[in-house]
């Protein structure tokens, strides 16, 4: 049986980073009382999770009507701009994440499973019937709709706090500069008559 790090609901559930832009490590962190669980993950995973939570809540608003009160944006009193809780001790690195809505108690349910090499499927294995290994541990967080919107808002702020994007190519600009393929003359050129 896997170890389940359950928070129903957590006192705090946030995405945050450690390190300088360009070399940041992203974490999901849940806390209830003195118990803190930190899970490392990629920036793209944070962005995907926040986007899917927002979409899920929008779907619940449209389909459930007035039966469930889901705020359209993060309630003001739930803003969380504090840094991650210290010390940050990584429980595991996130792999698969699942997201659902539990209508019985009106909660967003987030499950985060550890990354394992065994779960990686090669192109040759796509059609095969593979058995996924049982995870050793799971982060399970159940959030009220307002807290979930607050998580989404903070996640967007954390992602945007990184390196600025180049207006020409969209790539990240490091503090010491950026070699932009579009702005530095690396354009396709027509061959000259001598080269033909």
N, C-alpha and C. Protein backbone atom coordinates (compact mmCIF):
# COMPACT_ATOMS: atom_id res chain seq x y z
N UNK A 1 0.84 -1.20 0.00
CA UNK A 1 0.00 0.00 0.00
C UNK A 1 0.87 1.25 0.00
N UNK A 2 0.52 2.23 -0.84
CA UNK A 2 1.31 3.46 -0.85
C UNK A 2 1.06 4.31 0.39
N UNK A 3 2.05 5.14 0.72
CA UNK A 3 1.88 6.13 1.78
C UNK A 3 1.09 7.28 1.17
N UNK A 4 -0.02 7.65 1.79
CA UNK A 4 -0.85 8.74 1.28
C UNK A 4 -0.67 9.96 2.18
N UNK A 5 -0.12 11.03 1.58
CA UNK A 5 0.02 12.30 2.28
C UNK A 5 -1.27 13.07 2.03
N UNK A 6 -2.26 12.88 2.90
CA UNK A 6 -3.58 13.45 2.68
C UNK A 6 -3.79 14.77 3.40
N UNK A 7 -4.42 15.73 2.69
CA UNK A 7 -4.76 17.03 3.25
C UNK A 7 -6.20 17.35 2.84
N UNK A 8 -7.13 17.30 3.81
CA UNK A 8 -8.55 17.46 3.49
C UNK A 8 -9.25 18.35 4.52
N UNK A 9 -9.28 19.63 4.32
CA UNK A 9 -8.47 20.44 3.40
C UNK A 9 -7.18 20.85 4.07
N UNK A 10 -6.18 21.26 3.31
CA UNK A 10 -4.95 21.78 3.92
C UNK A 10 -5.18 23.19 4.46
N UNK A 11 -4.36 23.58 5.42
CA UNK A 11 -4.39 24.97 5.86
C UNK A 11 -3.76 25.86 4.78
N UNK A 12 -2.83 25.25 4.03
CA UNK A 12 -2.15 25.98 2.96
C UNK A 12 -1.76 25.00 1.87
N UNK A 13 -2.04 25.36 0.60
CA UNK A 13 -1.60 24.57 -0.55
C UNK A 13 -1.19 25.55 -1.62
N UNK A 14 0.11 25.58 -1.95
CA UNK A 14 0.64 26.57 -2.88
C UNK A 14 1.67 25.96 -3.80
N UNK A 15 1.91 26.67 -4.90
CA UNK A 15 3.05 26.41 -5.77
C UNK A 15 4.07 27.49 -5.46
N UNK A 16 5.34 27.13 -5.45
CA UNK A 16 6.39 28.10 -5.17
C UNK A 16 7.70 27.64 -5.78
N UNK A 17 8.72 28.48 -5.63
CA UNK A 17 10.02 28.17 -6.22
C UNK A 17 11.14 28.44 -5.23
N UNK A 18 12.27 27.81 -5.55
CA UNK A 18 13.52 28.07 -4.84
C UNK A 18 14.56 28.32 -5.92
N UNK A 19 15.36 29.37 -5.75
CA UNK A 19 16.41 29.67 -6.72
C UNK A 19 16.10 30.90 -7.54
N UNK A 20 17.08 31.27 -8.35
CA UNK A 20 16.99 32.46 -9.20
C UNK A 20 16.30 32.12 -10.52
N UNK A 21 15.62 33.11 -11.13
CA UNK A 21 15.01 32.86 -12.44
C UNK A 21 16.02 32.26 -13.42
N UNK A 22 15.61 31.23 -14.11
CA UNK A 22 16.49 30.51 -15.02
C UNK A 22 17.07 29.27 -14.37
N UNK A 23 17.06 29.23 -13.04
CA UNK A 23 17.58 28.06 -12.31
C UNK A 23 16.66 27.74 -11.13
N UNK A 24 15.36 27.98 -11.32
CA UNK A 24 14.41 27.75 -10.24
C UNK A 24 13.98 26.29 -10.18
N UNK A 25 13.71 25.83 -8.97
CA UNK A 25 13.08 24.54 -8.75
C UNK A 25 11.68 24.81 -8.27
N UNK A 26 10.70 24.19 -8.89
CA UNK A 26 9.29 24.40 -8.56
C UNK A 26 8.82 23.34 -7.58
N UNK A 27 7.96 23.75 -6.65
CA UNK A 27 7.41 22.84 -5.65
C UNK A 27 5.91 23.07 -5.50
N UNK A 28 5.20 21.98 -5.19
CA UNK A 28 3.86 22.07 -4.61
C UNK A 28 4.06 21.82 -3.14
N UNK A 29 3.42 22.62 -2.30
CA UNK A 29 3.61 22.45 -0.86
C UNK A 29 2.25 22.52 -0.15
N UNK A 30 2.00 21.49 0.66
CA UNK A 30 0.77 21.43 1.45
C UNK A 30 1.14 21.43 2.92
N UNK A 31 0.32 22.15 3.74
CA UNK A 31 0.59 22.20 5.18
C UNK A 31 -0.72 22.13 5.96
N UNK A 32 -0.68 21.33 7.01
CA UNK A 32 -1.73 21.31 8.03
C UNK A 32 -1.02 21.23 9.36
N UNK A 33 -1.15 22.27 10.17
CA UNK A 33 -0.45 22.32 11.44
C UNK A 33 1.05 22.30 11.21
N UNK A 34 1.76 21.41 11.89
CA UNK A 34 3.21 21.31 11.74
C UNK A 34 3.61 20.37 10.61
N UNK A 35 2.65 19.68 10.01
CA UNK A 35 2.94 18.71 8.95
C UNK A 35 3.01 19.42 7.60
N UNK A 36 4.17 19.30 6.94
CA UNK A 36 4.40 19.93 5.65
C UNK A 36 4.88 18.88 4.67
N UNK A 37 4.30 18.87 3.46
CA UNK A 37 4.76 17.98 2.40
C UNK A 37 5.10 18.84 1.19
N UNK A 38 6.33 18.66 0.66
CA UNK A 38 6.79 19.39 -0.51
C UNK A 38 7.10 18.40 -1.62
N UNK A 39 6.56 18.66 -2.81
CA UNK A 39 6.77 17.80 -3.97
C UNK A 39 7.37 18.65 -5.08
N UNK A 40 8.51 18.21 -5.63
CA UNK A 40 9.16 18.94 -6.72
C UNK A 40 8.47 18.60 -8.04
N UNK A 41 8.44 19.57 -8.95
CA UNK A 41 7.86 19.33 -10.26
C UNK A 41 8.40 20.35 -11.25
N UNK A 42 8.02 20.21 -12.50
CA UNK A 42 8.47 21.10 -13.56
C UNK A 42 7.53 22.31 -13.68
N UNK A 43 8.07 23.39 -14.21
CA UNK A 43 7.28 24.61 -14.43
C UNK A 43 6.05 24.30 -15.29
N UNK A 44 6.22 23.47 -16.33
CA UNK A 44 5.11 23.14 -17.21
C UNK A 44 4.02 22.37 -16.47
N UNK A 45 4.42 21.56 -15.48
CA UNK A 45 3.43 20.82 -14.70
C UNK A 45 2.60 21.77 -13.83
N UNK A 46 3.26 22.79 -13.26
CA UNK A 46 2.54 23.79 -12.46
C UNK A 46 1.54 24.52 -13.35
N UNK A 47 2.00 24.93 -14.54
CA UNK A 47 1.13 25.66 -15.46
C UNK A 47 -0.05 24.79 -15.89
N UNK A 48 0.20 23.52 -16.21
CA UNK A 48 -0.87 22.63 -16.65
C UNK A 48 -1.87 22.37 -15.52
N UNK A 49 -1.38 22.17 -14.31
CA UNK A 49 -2.27 21.92 -13.17
C UNK A 49 -3.17 23.13 -12.91
N UNK A 50 -2.57 24.32 -12.89
CA UNK A 50 -3.34 25.54 -12.65
C UNK A 50 -4.39 25.75 -13.74
N UNK A 51 -4.00 25.53 -14.98
CA UNK A 51 -4.93 25.70 -16.10
C UNK A 51 -6.10 24.72 -16.01
N UNK A 52 -5.80 23.46 -15.69
CA UNK A 52 -6.86 22.44 -15.59
C UNK A 52 -7.78 22.70 -14.39
N UNK A 53 -7.23 23.17 -13.28
CA UNK A 53 -8.09 23.51 -12.12
C UNK A 53 -9.06 24.62 -12.51
N UNK A 54 -8.55 25.64 -13.17
CA UNK A 54 -9.39 26.75 -13.61
C UNK A 54 -10.50 26.26 -14.55
N UNK A 55 -10.13 25.41 -15.52
CA UNK A 55 -11.11 24.87 -16.47
C UNK A 55 -12.14 24.01 -15.75
N UNK A 56 -11.69 23.18 -14.81
CA UNK A 56 -12.60 22.32 -14.06
C UNK A 56 -13.62 23.16 -13.29
N UNK A 57 -13.16 24.20 -12.62
CA UNK A 57 -14.08 25.06 -11.86
C UNK A 57 -15.05 25.79 -12.77
N UNK A 58 -14.57 26.21 -13.94
CA UNK A 58 -15.46 26.86 -14.91
C UNK A 58 -16.54 25.88 -15.38
N UNK A 59 -16.15 24.61 -15.61
CA UNK A 59 -17.12 23.59 -16.02
C UNK A 59 -18.16 23.36 -14.93
N UNK A 60 -17.70 23.30 -13.67
CA UNK A 60 -18.63 23.09 -12.55
C UNK A 60 -19.61 24.25 -12.47
N UNK A 61 -19.12 25.49 -12.68
CA UNK A 61 -20.00 26.67 -12.64
C UNK A 61 -21.09 26.57 -13.71
N UNK A 62 -20.72 26.09 -14.90
CA UNK A 62 -21.67 26.04 -16.01
C UNK A 62 -22.66 24.89 -15.88
N UNK A 63 -22.21 23.74 -15.40
CA UNK A 63 -23.08 22.57 -15.36
C UNK A 63 -23.88 22.45 -14.08
N UNK A 64 -23.34 22.94 -12.99
CA UNK A 64 -23.99 22.77 -11.69
C UNK A 64 -24.97 23.89 -11.37
N UNK A 65 -24.95 24.94 -12.15
CA UNK A 65 -25.85 26.06 -11.89
C UNK A 65 -25.57 26.68 -10.53
N UNK A 66 -26.62 26.90 -9.76
CA UNK A 66 -26.47 27.53 -8.45
C UNK A 66 -26.37 26.51 -7.32
N UNK A 67 -26.35 25.21 -7.66
CA UNK A 67 -26.26 24.18 -6.61
C UNK A 67 -24.93 24.28 -5.86
N UNK A 68 -23.88 24.65 -6.57
CA UNK A 68 -22.56 24.79 -5.97
C UNK A 68 -22.09 26.22 -6.16
N UNK A 69 -21.58 26.81 -5.10
CA UNK A 69 -21.06 28.17 -5.19
C UNK A 69 -19.57 28.09 -5.53
N UNK A 70 -19.26 28.45 -6.78
CA UNK A 70 -17.88 28.45 -7.24
C UNK A 70 -17.54 29.87 -7.63
N UNK A 71 -16.57 30.50 -6.96
CA UNK A 71 -16.20 31.86 -7.34
C UNK A 71 -15.54 31.89 -8.72
N UNK A 72 -15.81 32.94 -9.48
CA UNK A 72 -15.24 33.09 -10.82
C UNK A 72 -13.76 33.44 -10.76
N UNK A 73 -13.36 34.11 -9.67
CA UNK A 73 -11.95 34.47 -9.46
C UNK A 73 -11.60 34.16 -8.01
N UNK A 74 -10.31 34.26 -7.68
CA UNK A 74 -9.87 33.97 -6.31
C UNK A 74 -10.43 35.01 -5.34
N UNK A 75 -11.09 34.56 -4.26
CA UNK A 75 -11.58 35.51 -3.25
C UNK A 75 -10.42 36.29 -2.63
N UNK A 76 -10.65 37.58 -2.35
CA UNK A 76 -9.59 38.46 -1.85
C UNK A 76 -8.93 37.96 -0.57
N UNK A 77 -9.69 37.43 0.35
CA UNK A 77 -9.13 37.00 1.62
C UNK A 77 -8.25 35.77 1.55
N UNK A 78 -8.21 35.11 0.39
CA UNK A 78 -7.44 33.87 0.26
C UNK A 78 -6.10 34.06 -0.45
N UNK A 79 -5.75 35.30 -0.80
CA UNK A 79 -4.45 35.55 -1.43
C UNK A 79 -3.32 35.07 -0.52
N UNK A 80 -2.33 34.40 -1.11
CA UNK A 80 -1.18 33.89 -0.36
C UNK A 80 0.08 34.26 -1.13
N UNK A 81 0.81 35.25 -0.62
CA UNK A 81 2.04 35.69 -1.28
C UNK A 81 3.28 35.34 -0.45
N UNK A 82 3.10 34.60 0.63
CA UNK A 82 4.22 34.23 1.49
C UNK A 82 5.13 33.22 0.80
N UNK A 83 6.41 33.20 1.18
CA UNK A 83 7.31 32.21 0.59
C UNK A 83 6.94 30.80 1.06
N UNK A 84 7.57 29.80 0.43
CA UNK A 84 7.35 28.42 0.84
C UNK A 84 7.80 28.23 2.28
N UNK A 85 7.16 27.29 2.97
CA UNK A 85 7.52 26.98 4.36
C UNK A 85 8.91 26.34 4.39
N UNK A 86 9.68 26.67 5.41
CA UNK A 86 11.04 26.13 5.57
C UNK A 86 11.05 25.12 6.71
N UNK A 87 11.89 24.14 6.70
CA UNK A 87 12.78 23.75 5.60
C UNK A 87 12.01 23.01 4.51
N UNK A 88 12.51 23.12 3.28
CA UNK A 88 11.86 22.44 2.16
C UNK A 88 12.57 21.10 1.98
N UNK A 89 11.87 20.04 2.31
CA UNK A 89 12.39 18.68 2.15
C UNK A 89 11.53 17.97 1.13
N UNK A 90 12.11 17.69 -0.04
CA UNK A 90 11.38 17.07 -1.15
C UNK A 90 10.96 15.65 -0.81
N UNK A 91 9.65 15.39 -0.81
CA UNK A 91 9.14 14.02 -0.59
C UNK A 91 9.41 13.17 -1.82
N UNK A 92 9.08 13.72 -2.99
CA UNK A 92 9.32 13.02 -4.26
C UNK A 92 9.19 14.02 -5.40
N UNK A 93 9.56 13.58 -6.61
CA UNK A 93 9.40 14.39 -7.81
C UNK A 93 8.11 13.94 -8.49
N UNK A 94 7.27 14.91 -8.85
CA UNK A 94 5.95 14.61 -9.41
C UNK A 94 6.07 14.01 -10.79
N UNK A 95 5.22 13.05 -11.04
CA UNK A 95 5.07 12.45 -12.37
C UNK A 95 3.66 12.74 -12.85
N UNK A 96 2.81 11.73 -12.75
CA UNK A 96 1.40 11.86 -13.14
C UNK A 96 0.62 12.62 -12.08
N UNK A 97 -0.32 13.45 -12.54
CA UNK A 97 -1.23 14.14 -11.63
C UNK A 97 -2.65 13.92 -12.14
N UNK A 98 -3.58 13.72 -11.20
CA UNK A 98 -4.98 13.59 -11.59
C UNK A 98 -5.78 14.69 -10.90
N UNK A 99 -6.90 15.03 -11.51
CA UNK A 99 -7.73 16.13 -11.01
C UNK A 99 -9.18 15.74 -11.19
N UNK A 100 -9.99 15.98 -10.17
CA UNK A 100 -11.42 15.67 -10.27
C UNK A 100 -12.21 16.60 -9.36
N UNK A 101 -13.53 16.57 -9.52
CA UNK A 101 -14.45 17.33 -8.69
C UNK A 101 -15.29 16.35 -7.90
N UNK A 102 -15.29 16.49 -6.58
CA UNK A 102 -16.12 15.65 -5.71
C UNK A 102 -17.36 16.47 -5.36
N UNK A 103 -18.47 16.16 -6.04
CA UNK A 103 -19.70 16.93 -5.85
C UNK A 103 -20.31 16.72 -4.47
N UNK A 104 -20.01 15.58 -3.83
CA UNK A 104 -20.63 15.29 -2.53
C UNK A 104 -20.21 16.28 -1.45
N UNK A 105 -18.93 16.71 -1.47
CA UNK A 105 -18.52 17.72 -0.48
C UNK A 105 -17.94 18.97 -1.14
N UNK A 106 -18.19 19.11 -2.46
CA UNK A 106 -17.80 20.31 -3.21
C UNK A 106 -16.32 20.64 -3.06
N UNK A 107 -15.50 19.69 -3.44
CA UNK A 107 -14.05 19.85 -3.35
C UNK A 107 -13.37 19.49 -4.67
N UNK A 108 -12.29 20.20 -4.98
CA UNK A 108 -11.38 19.82 -6.05
C UNK A 108 -10.43 18.79 -5.44
N UNK A 109 -10.26 17.66 -6.12
CA UNK A 109 -9.39 16.60 -5.61
C UNK A 109 -8.18 16.50 -6.53
N UNK A 110 -6.99 16.70 -5.94
CA UNK A 110 -5.73 16.65 -6.68
C UNK A 110 -4.92 15.48 -6.15
N UNK A 111 -4.50 14.59 -7.05
CA UNK A 111 -3.62 13.49 -6.68
C UNK A 111 -2.32 13.65 -7.46
N UNK A 112 -1.20 13.59 -6.74
CA UNK A 112 0.11 13.72 -7.37
C UNK A 112 0.88 12.44 -7.08
N UNK A 113 1.32 11.78 -8.15
CA UNK A 113 2.05 10.52 -8.04
C UNK A 113 3.52 10.74 -8.38
N UNK A 114 4.43 9.98 -7.78
CA UNK A 114 5.85 10.15 -8.06
C UNK A 114 6.20 9.76 -9.50
N UNK A 115 7.21 10.43 -10.02
CA UNK A 115 7.75 10.08 -11.34
C UNK A 115 8.52 8.77 -11.20
N UNK A 116 8.27 7.85 -12.13
CA UNK A 116 9.05 6.61 -12.18
C UNK A 116 9.41 6.33 -13.62
N UNK A 117 10.59 5.78 -13.83
CA UNK A 117 11.02 5.40 -15.17
C UNK A 117 10.10 4.34 -15.76
N UNK A 118 9.54 3.47 -14.89
CA UNK A 118 8.68 2.38 -15.35
C UNK A 118 7.39 2.91 -15.97
N UNK A 119 6.99 4.13 -15.63
CA UNK A 119 5.76 4.71 -16.17
C UNK A 119 5.97 5.37 -17.53
N UNK A 120 7.23 5.51 -17.96
CA UNK A 120 7.53 6.12 -19.25
C UNK A 120 7.29 5.08 -20.34
N UNK A 121 6.48 5.44 -21.33
CA UNK A 121 6.14 4.53 -22.41
C UNK A 121 6.85 4.98 -23.68
N UNK A 122 7.56 4.06 -24.31
CA UNK A 122 8.25 4.38 -25.56
C UNK A 122 7.25 4.31 -26.71
N UNK A 123 7.56 4.92 -27.86
CA UNK A 123 6.64 4.87 -29.00
C UNK A 123 6.27 3.44 -29.42
N UNK A 124 7.20 2.51 -29.27
CA UNK A 124 6.94 1.12 -29.65
C UNK A 124 5.93 0.45 -28.71
N UNK A 125 5.79 0.96 -27.49
CA UNK A 125 4.92 0.33 -26.49
C UNK A 125 3.52 0.94 -26.44
N UNK A 126 3.23 1.92 -27.28
CA UNK A 126 1.97 2.65 -27.19
C UNK A 126 0.75 1.73 -27.26
N UNK A 127 0.73 0.74 -28.14
CA UNK A 127 -0.43 -0.14 -28.28
C UNK A 127 -0.46 -1.28 -27.28
N UNK A 128 0.62 -1.50 -26.55
CA UNK A 128 0.70 -2.64 -25.63
C UNK A 128 -0.13 -2.39 -24.37
N UNK A 129 -0.55 -3.50 -23.76
CA UNK A 129 -1.30 -3.44 -22.51
C UNK A 129 -0.29 -3.51 -21.36
N UNK A 130 0.10 -2.35 -20.84
CA UNK A 130 1.13 -2.28 -19.80
C UNK A 130 0.50 -2.07 -18.44
N UNK A 131 1.10 -2.65 -17.43
CA UNK A 131 0.62 -2.46 -16.08
C UNK A 131 1.49 -1.42 -15.39
N UNK A 132 0.84 -0.34 -14.93
CA UNK A 132 1.59 0.72 -14.26
C UNK A 132 1.93 0.27 -12.84
N UNK A 133 3.18 0.51 -12.42
CA UNK A 133 3.57 0.07 -11.08
C UNK A 133 2.81 0.83 -9.99
N UNK A 134 2.60 0.16 -8.87
CA UNK A 134 1.94 0.79 -7.72
C UNK A 134 2.88 1.86 -7.15
N UNK A 135 2.39 3.10 -6.96
CA UNK A 135 3.28 4.14 -6.41
C UNK A 135 3.59 3.88 -4.94
N UNK A 136 4.76 4.35 -4.53
CA UNK A 136 5.16 4.20 -3.13
C UNK A 136 4.47 5.22 -2.24
N UNK A 137 4.17 6.40 -2.81
CA UNK A 137 3.49 7.44 -2.05
C UNK A 137 2.68 8.33 -2.98
N UNK A 138 1.69 9.01 -2.40
CA UNK A 138 0.78 9.87 -3.16
C UNK A 138 0.52 11.13 -2.33
N UNK A 139 0.51 12.28 -2.99
CA UNK A 139 0.05 13.51 -2.35
C UNK A 139 -1.41 13.67 -2.76
N UNK A 140 -2.31 13.70 -1.79
CA UNK A 140 -3.75 13.83 -2.03
C UNK A 140 -4.24 15.09 -1.33
N UNK A 141 -4.73 16.06 -2.13
CA UNK A 141 -5.18 17.34 -1.59
C UNK A 141 -6.62 17.56 -2.04
N UNK A 142 -7.47 17.95 -1.08
CA UNK A 142 -8.87 18.26 -1.36
C UNK A 142 -9.10 19.73 -0.99
N UNK A 143 -9.47 20.53 -2.00
CA UNK A 143 -9.60 21.97 -1.82
C UNK A 143 -11.02 22.46 -2.10
N UNK A 144 -11.48 23.41 -1.30
CA UNK A 144 -12.72 24.11 -1.60
C UNK A 144 -12.49 24.96 -2.84
N UNK A 145 -13.57 25.31 -3.53
CA UNK A 145 -13.46 26.05 -4.80
C UNK A 145 -12.70 27.36 -4.66
N UNK A 146 -12.94 28.12 -3.60
CA UNK A 146 -12.25 29.40 -3.41
C UNK A 146 -10.76 29.21 -3.23
N UNK A 147 -10.36 28.21 -2.44
CA UNK A 147 -8.94 27.92 -2.23
C UNK A 147 -8.29 27.44 -3.53
N UNK A 148 -9.04 26.71 -4.35
CA UNK A 148 -8.51 26.25 -5.63
C UNK A 148 -8.27 27.42 -6.57
N UNK A 149 -9.19 28.39 -6.59
CA UNK A 149 -8.98 29.59 -7.42
C UNK A 149 -7.77 30.38 -6.91
N UNK A 150 -7.59 30.43 -5.58
CA UNK A 150 -6.43 31.13 -5.02
C UNK A 150 -5.14 30.42 -5.41
N UNK A 151 -5.15 29.08 -5.46
CA UNK A 151 -3.98 28.33 -5.91
C UNK A 151 -3.65 28.70 -7.35
N UNK A 152 -4.66 28.76 -8.21
CA UNK A 152 -4.46 29.10 -9.62
C UNK A 152 -3.84 30.49 -9.76
N UNK A 153 -4.37 31.46 -9.00
CA UNK A 153 -3.86 32.83 -9.07
C UNK A 153 -2.40 32.89 -8.67
N UNK A 154 -2.05 32.24 -7.56
CA UNK A 154 -0.66 32.26 -7.10
C UNK A 154 0.24 31.53 -8.09
N UNK A 155 -0.21 30.40 -8.63
CA UNK A 155 0.60 29.65 -9.59
C UNK A 155 0.94 30.51 -10.80
N UNK A 156 -0.02 31.29 -11.28
CA UNK A 156 0.24 32.18 -12.42
C UNK A 156 1.28 33.23 -12.05
N UNK A 157 1.20 33.77 -10.84
CA UNK A 157 2.18 34.77 -10.39
C UNK A 157 3.57 34.17 -10.27
N UNK A 158 3.65 32.95 -9.77
CA UNK A 158 4.95 32.26 -9.61
C UNK A 158 5.57 32.02 -10.98
N UNK A 159 4.77 31.57 -11.93
CA UNK A 159 5.28 31.30 -13.28
C UNK A 159 5.75 32.59 -13.93
N UNK A 160 4.96 33.67 -13.79
CA UNK A 160 5.30 34.96 -14.41
C UNK A 160 6.50 35.64 -13.76
N UNK A 161 6.89 35.21 -12.56
CA UNK A 161 8.01 35.83 -11.85
C UNK A 161 9.37 35.35 -12.38
N UNK A 162 9.37 34.49 -13.36
CA UNK A 162 10.61 33.97 -13.93
C UNK A 162 11.23 34.95 -14.89
N UNK A 163 12.05 34.42 -15.77
CA UNK A 163 12.72 35.25 -16.77
C UNK A 163 11.70 35.82 -17.76
N UNK A 164 11.89 37.09 -18.16
CA UNK A 164 10.97 37.65 -19.15
C UNK A 164 11.14 36.95 -20.50
N UNK A 165 10.10 37.00 -21.31
CA UNK A 165 10.15 36.38 -22.64
C UNK A 165 10.61 37.40 -23.67
N UNK A 166 11.36 36.93 -24.64
CA UNK A 166 11.81 37.77 -25.75
C UNK A 166 10.61 38.14 -26.62
N UNK A 167 10.44 39.44 -26.93
CA UNK A 167 9.29 39.84 -27.74
C UNK A 167 9.37 39.34 -29.19
N UNK A 168 10.55 38.93 -29.63
CA UNK A 168 10.73 38.50 -31.02
C UNK A 168 10.55 36.99 -31.19
N UNK A 169 11.24 36.20 -30.34
CA UNK A 169 11.21 34.75 -30.52
C UNK A 169 10.44 34.01 -29.43
N UNK A 170 10.12 34.69 -28.32
CA UNK A 170 9.38 34.06 -27.24
C UNK A 170 10.23 33.28 -26.27
N UNK A 171 11.52 33.15 -26.52
CA UNK A 171 12.42 32.42 -25.63
C UNK A 171 12.72 33.23 -24.38
N UNK A 172 13.19 32.57 -23.30
CA UNK A 172 13.49 33.30 -22.07
C UNK A 172 14.76 34.14 -22.21
N UNK A 173 14.73 35.31 -21.58
CA UNK A 173 15.88 36.21 -21.59
C UNK A 173 16.61 36.09 -20.26
N UNK A 174 17.86 35.65 -20.29
CA UNK A 174 18.67 35.51 -19.08
C UNK A 174 19.16 36.89 -18.63
N UNK A 175 19.56 37.02 -17.34
CA UNK A 175 20.06 38.31 -16.85
C UNK A 175 21.29 38.81 -17.63
N UNK A 176 22.10 37.89 -18.17
CA UNK A 176 23.30 38.30 -18.91
C UNK A 176 23.06 38.39 -20.41
N UNK A 177 21.80 38.37 -20.84
CA UNK A 177 21.50 38.54 -22.25
C UNK A 177 20.83 37.33 -22.87
N UNK A 178 20.65 37.42 -24.21
CA UNK A 178 19.88 36.40 -24.90
C UNK A 178 20.25 36.44 -26.37
N UNK A 179 20.58 35.33 -26.95
CA UNK A 179 20.88 35.25 -28.37
C UNK A 179 19.57 34.94 -29.09
N UNK A 180 19.00 35.96 -29.71
CA UNK A 180 17.71 35.81 -30.37
C UNK A 180 17.91 35.50 -31.84
N UNK A 181 17.38 34.39 -32.26
CA UNK A 181 17.50 33.96 -33.65
C UNK A 181 16.84 34.96 -34.59
N UNK A 182 15.76 35.57 -34.16
CA UNK A 182 15.04 36.50 -35.03
C UNK A 182 15.64 37.90 -35.04
N UNK A 183 16.25 38.36 -33.95
CA UNK A 183 16.74 39.74 -33.89
C UNK A 183 18.22 39.86 -34.23
N UNK A 184 18.95 38.75 -34.32
CA UNK A 184 20.40 38.84 -34.53
C UNK A 184 20.83 38.46 -35.93
N UNK A 185 19.94 38.55 -36.91
CA UNK A 185 20.33 38.38 -38.30
C UNK A 185 20.42 36.95 -38.77
N UNK A 186 19.99 35.98 -38.01
CA UNK A 186 20.04 34.59 -38.46
C UNK A 186 18.79 34.30 -39.28
N UNK A 187 18.75 34.89 -40.46
CA UNK A 187 17.60 34.69 -41.34
C UNK A 187 18.02 33.83 -42.52
N UNK A 188 17.04 33.15 -43.07
CA UNK A 188 17.31 32.38 -44.28
C UNK A 188 17.62 33.38 -45.38
N UNK A 189 18.68 33.13 -46.11
CA UNK A 189 19.02 34.04 -47.20
C UNK A 189 19.00 33.28 -48.51
N UNK A 190 18.75 34.03 -49.53
CA UNK A 190 18.73 33.44 -50.88
C UNK A 190 20.18 33.26 -51.34
N UNK A 191 20.50 32.15 -51.99
CA UNK A 191 21.88 31.97 -52.48
C UNK A 191 22.22 33.00 -53.56
N UNK A 192 23.46 33.46 -53.49
CA UNK A 192 23.90 34.45 -54.50
C UNK A 192 24.23 33.74 -55.80
N UNK A 193 24.42 34.51 -56.84
CA UNK A 193 24.72 33.95 -58.16
C UNK A 193 26.00 33.15 -58.13
N UNK A 194 27.00 33.57 -57.33
CA UNK A 194 28.27 32.84 -57.26
C UNK A 194 28.11 31.47 -56.59
N UNK A 195 27.16 31.32 -55.68
CA UNK A 195 26.98 30.07 -54.96
C UNK A 195 26.17 29.06 -55.78
N UNK A 196 25.46 29.53 -56.79
CA UNK A 196 24.61 28.63 -57.58
C UNK A 196 25.37 27.85 -58.56
